[in-house]
């Protein structure tokens, strides 16, 4: 994972949780219940803090082992035995 571009970094640095919530809340839940506003803002601010930490780390191609990907195969007679 490379470091974010300057444009992406600018977006990360200038994220405003309150402005974001004001713009998207209705589209996510319909009329937004103001009783949840402070909790949602706290979660958005936490996510922003975590994103800044994650995007601050530069990883090179060989630093991590990626998890395997499941690829289904056709069952054969041996795999269908009842000796499990």
Protein backbone atom coordinates (compact mmCIF):
# COMPACT_ATOMS: atom_id res chain seq x y z
CA UNK A 1 0.00 0.00 0.00
CA UNK A 2 1.54 3.26 -1.03
CA UNK A 3 1.11 6.52 0.79
CA UNK A 4 -1.91 8.57 -0.23
CA UNK A 5 -1.49 11.22 -2.91
CA UNK A 6 -1.43 14.81 -1.74
CA UNK A 7 -5.07 15.20 -2.84
CA UNK A 8 -6.10 12.10 -0.87
CA UNK A 9 -4.07 13.25 2.15
CA UNK A 10 -5.78 16.62 1.99
CA UNK A 11 -9.19 14.90 2.10
CA UNK A 12 -8.09 12.82 5.08
CA UNK A 13 -6.74 15.85 6.92
CA UNK A 14 -9.77 18.06 6.28
CA UNK A 15 -12.49 15.49 7.05
CA UNK A 16 -15.25 17.16 9.05
CA UNK A 17 -17.45 14.60 10.79
CA UNK A 18 -20.29 17.04 11.49
CA UNK A 19 -20.43 18.29 7.91
CA UNK A 20 -20.29 14.72 6.59
CA UNK A 21 -23.10 13.61 8.89
CA UNK A 22 -25.22 16.60 7.93
CA UNK A 23 -24.86 15.68 4.25
CA UNK A 24 -25.35 11.91 4.35
CA UNK A 25 -27.55 11.10 7.35
CA UNK A 26 -30.84 11.44 5.51
CA UNK A 27 -29.67 9.20 2.67
CA UNK A 28 -28.56 6.50 5.09
CA UNK A 29 -31.49 6.40 7.49
CA UNK A 30 -34.15 8.79 6.29
CA UNK A 31 -35.10 11.41 8.86
CA UNK A 32 -32.22 11.35 11.34
CA UNK A 33 -33.02 10.95 15.03
CA UNK A 34 -31.04 13.67 16.80
CA UNK A 35 -30.71 11.48 19.93
CA UNK A 36 -28.06 9.47 18.05
CA UNK A 37 -26.10 12.43 16.67
CA UNK A 38 -23.39 12.63 19.36
CA UNK A 39 -22.73 8.87 19.26
CA UNK A 40 -22.56 8.83 15.46
CA UNK A 41 -20.21 11.83 15.48
CA UNK A 42 -17.97 10.09 18.02
CA UNK A 43 -17.80 7.00 15.79
CA UNK A 44 -17.04 9.07 12.67
CA UNK A 45 -14.26 10.92 14.51
CA UNK A 46 -12.83 7.60 15.70
CA UNK A 47 -12.91 6.24 12.14
CA UNK A 48 -11.17 9.38 10.89
CA UNK A 49 -8.47 9.03 13.56
CA UNK A 50 -7.92 5.37 12.63
CA UNK A 51 -7.79 6.20 8.89
CA UNK A 52 -5.06 8.77 9.51
CA UNK A 53 -3.00 6.13 11.35
CA UNK A 54 -3.52 3.49 8.65
CA UNK A 55 -2.74 5.77 5.72
CA UNK A 56 0.39 7.08 7.46
CA UNK A 57 2.08 3.67 7.09
CA UNK A 58 3.85 2.81 3.87
CA UNK A 59 4.04 -0.88 3.01
CA UNK A 60 6.20 -2.36 0.31
CA UNK A 61 5.22 -5.27 -1.96
CA UNK A 62 6.95 -7.99 0.10
CA UNK A 63 6.06 -6.92 3.63
CA UNK A 64 2.88 -8.94 4.08
CA UNK A 65 1.63 -12.43 3.36
CA UNK A 66 -1.77 -12.22 1.77
CA UNK A 67 -4.46 -14.63 2.85
CA UNK A 68 -5.25 -17.44 0.45
CA UNK A 69 -8.29 -17.21 -1.75
CA UNK A 70 -10.88 -19.98 -1.70
CA UNK A 71 -11.27 -21.54 -5.12
CA UNK A 72 -13.98 -24.20 -5.36
CA UNK A 73 -13.07 -27.40 -7.16
CA UNK A 74 -15.20 -30.23 -8.40
CA UNK A 75 -15.50 -33.04 -5.86
CA UNK A 76 -13.98 -36.38 -6.79
CA UNK A 77 -14.68 -39.86 -5.40
CA UNK A 78 -11.91 -39.61 -2.77
CA UNK A 79 -13.22 -36.37 -1.32
CA UNK A 80 -16.73 -37.80 -1.09
CA UNK A 81 -15.75 -40.67 1.25
CA UNK A 82 -17.55 -40.94 4.55
CA UNK A 83 -14.32 -41.43 6.54
CA UNK A 84 -14.26 -37.91 8.01
